[in-house]
Amino acid sequence: MSHVKVRVKFIGEMRKKFSIEDLWISFQSVPTIKDVLAELERERGVKVNLGDSSVAILVNGRRIEFIGGLNAKLKHMDEIVIMPAIAGGSKIIRKMRKVYLL
């Protein structure tokens, strides 16, 4: 088994809601998005409502829907971004340093 460390970033309203900008999570085996979300809830009390279409989760800039959903396997040093799903013209886009195409 290999040690896998991933970075989780919260952007916009998600950052305000959870009072977390970013954090690193370590796993002893290859984690999935589901594992990361479970660890966030267990260790930090952060519960991301997956049924809420206003929440977007990205791995290295790609929406999880396009890379295997909640069962997408993560690699060492992957970056997971949890952010509000936004549309063009949104004020949050103008404030972001890095824009993620959804």
Protein backbone atom coordinates (compact mmCIF):
# COMPACT_ATOMS: atom_id res chain seq x y z
CA MET A 1 0.00 0.00 0.00
CA SER A 2 1.18 3.50 -0.77
CA HIS A 3 0.72 6.68 1.18
CA VAL A 4 -1.54 9.17 -0.68
CA LYS A 5 -1.84 12.81 0.30
CA VAL A 6 -4.48 15.07 -1.31
CA ARG A 7 -5.23 18.77 -0.96
CA VAL A 8 -8.80 19.94 -0.45
CA LYS A 9 -9.64 23.57 -1.24
CA PHE A 10 -12.87 25.38 -0.46
CA ILE A 11 -13.82 28.34 -2.66
CA GLY A 12 -16.38 31.12 -2.31
CA GLU A 13 -19.41 30.39 -0.19
CA MET A 14 -18.06 26.94 0.67
CA ARG A 15 -15.03 28.58 2.29
CA LYS A 16 -17.28 30.90 4.29
CA LYS A 17 -19.69 28.12 5.26
CA PHE A 18 -17.00 25.78 6.61
CA SER A 19 -14.42 28.40 7.68
CA ILE A 20 -11.69 26.41 5.92
CA GLU A 21 -9.58 27.62 3.00
CA ASP A 22 -7.65 24.44 2.34
CA LEU A 23 -6.26 21.39 4.07
CA TRP A 24 -4.27 18.23 3.38
CA ILE A 25 -5.60 14.74 4.04
CA SER A 26 -3.44 11.61 4.10
CA PHE A 27 -4.58 8.08 3.31
CA GLN A 28 -2.80 4.75 3.66
CA SER A 29 -4.37 3.43 0.46
CA VAL A 30 -5.74 4.90 -2.77
CA PRO A 31 -8.76 7.05 -1.80
CA THR A 32 -11.86 7.98 -3.75
CA ILE A 33 -13.83 11.22 -3.64
CA LYS A 34 -16.27 9.40 -1.36
CA ASP A 35 -13.40 8.62 1.05
CA VAL A 36 -12.31 12.27 1.10
CA LEU A 37 -15.85 13.48 1.84
CA ALA A 38 -16.24 10.87 4.61
CA GLU A 39 -12.92 11.97 6.14
CA LEU A 40 -13.96 15.64 6.00
CA GLU A 41 -17.16 14.81 7.84
CA ARG A 42 -15.49 12.53 10.40
CA GLU A 43 -12.49 14.73 11.23
CA ARG A 44 -13.79 18.26 10.59
CA GLY A 45 -17.59 17.99 10.78
CA VAL A 46 -17.79 19.19 7.17
CA LYS A 47 -20.78 17.65 5.40
CA VAL A 48 -21.02 18.42 1.70
CA ASN A 49 -24.59 17.98 0.48
CA LEU A 50 -24.11 15.87 -2.64
CA GLY A 51 -27.76 16.20 -3.63
CA ASP A 52 -27.35 19.97 -3.89
CA SER A 53 -26.84 20.97 -7.53
CA SER A 54 -25.34 24.27 -6.39
CA VAL A 55 -22.17 22.46 -5.22
CA ALA A 56 -19.39 21.51 -7.63
CA ILE A 57 -16.49 19.18 -6.81
CA LEU A 58 -13.43 19.19 -9.05
CA VAL A 59 -10.25 17.12 -9.13
CA ASN A 60 -7.33 18.88 -10.76
CA GLY A 61 -9.77 21.24 -12.48
CA ARG A 62 -12.17 18.56 -13.79
CA ARG A 63 -15.68 17.96 -12.49
CA ILE A 64 -16.00 14.60 -10.78
CA GLU A 65 -18.95 13.70 -13.02
CA PHE A 66 -16.47 13.33 -15.90
CA ILE A 67 -13.85 11.23 -14.10
CA GLY A 68 -15.86 8.57 -12.27
CA GLY A 69 -18.05 10.51 -9.85
CA LEU A 70 -17.78 9.71 -6.15
CA ASN A 71 -15.82 6.56 -6.97
CA ALA A 72 -13.08 8.42 -8.85
CA LYS A 73 -9.70 7.22 -7.57
CA LEU A 74 -7.28 9.89 -6.45
CA LYS A 75 -3.53 10.08 -6.83
CA HIS A 76 -0.85 11.47 -4.53
CA MET A 77 -0.92 15.31 -4.54
CA ASP A 78 -4.27 15.61 -6.36
CA GLU A 79 -6.17 18.83 -5.68
CA ILE A 80 -9.87 18.60 -4.85
CA VAL A 81 -11.85 21.84 -5.05
CA ILE A 82 -15.26 22.17 -3.42
CA MET A 83 -17.06 25.26 -4.64
CA PRO A 84 -20.45 26.68 -5.54
CA ALA A 85 -21.59 25.71 -9.02
CA ILE A 86 -21.52 29.03 -10.87
CA ALA A 87 -22.53 30.36 -14.26
CA GLY A 88 -21.02 33.02 -16.47
CA GLY A 89 -21.48 36.55 -15.19
CA SER A 90 -21.46 35.47 -11.56
CA LYS A 91 -19.73 37.94 -9.21
CA ILE A 92 -17.67 35.11 -7.74
CA ILE A 93 -15.93 34.55 -11.09
CA ARG A 94 -14.54 38.08 -11.06
CA LYS A 95 -13.10 37.53 -7.55
CA MET A 96 -11.39 34.21 -8.27
CA ARG A 97 -7.68 34.10 -9.09
CA LYS A 98 -8.12 30.85 -10.97
CA VAL A 99 -11.27 30.06 -12.95
CA TYR A 100 -12.37 26.43 -13.28
CA LEU A 101 -14.30 25.52 -16.39
CA LEU A 102 -17.21 23.29 -15.47
